[in-house]
Amino acid sequence: MRGLLTIAGHSGQEYQFLARPFGESLPESPGVYVITHAKRGENGEWLHTPLCIGRAENLSRALHAHPESQCLDHQDANVICFRIEHSAEYQARVVRDLVEQHQPRCQCGDEGAGE
């Protein structure tokens, strides 16, 4: 699954993400990521269940030895969605908003903490 995905936060704000197959390489940029389990709905549309929401100083390294890899495997993670965000403060705000809305099953680390 490749393309754009809009994910709404608890605040009602909608965020645009690029979606890629899980395991595909990501850019060496800071940003926010959402790991999902995607499946086709009855009408052929993609339905995404957010499993893990986090942020990283370098998205390309976000999944290497991810601390929740066992949870993600168990939940059949198959898509990673990302958006490049350079502001650590804004990254944290987006992650909080999305986590509050979606209550993901797996807990992502916060690689951006301490910036």
Foldseek 3Di string as FASTA:
>chain_A
DWDWDWAAFQVRDIDIWTKDWPPDFDFQAWWKKWFWDWDADPVRDIDTQTAEIEIARGRRCQPPPWVQVVVCVVRVTTMMIIDGDHDLVVRVVVRVRHCVGRVHNTYGDHNSPPD
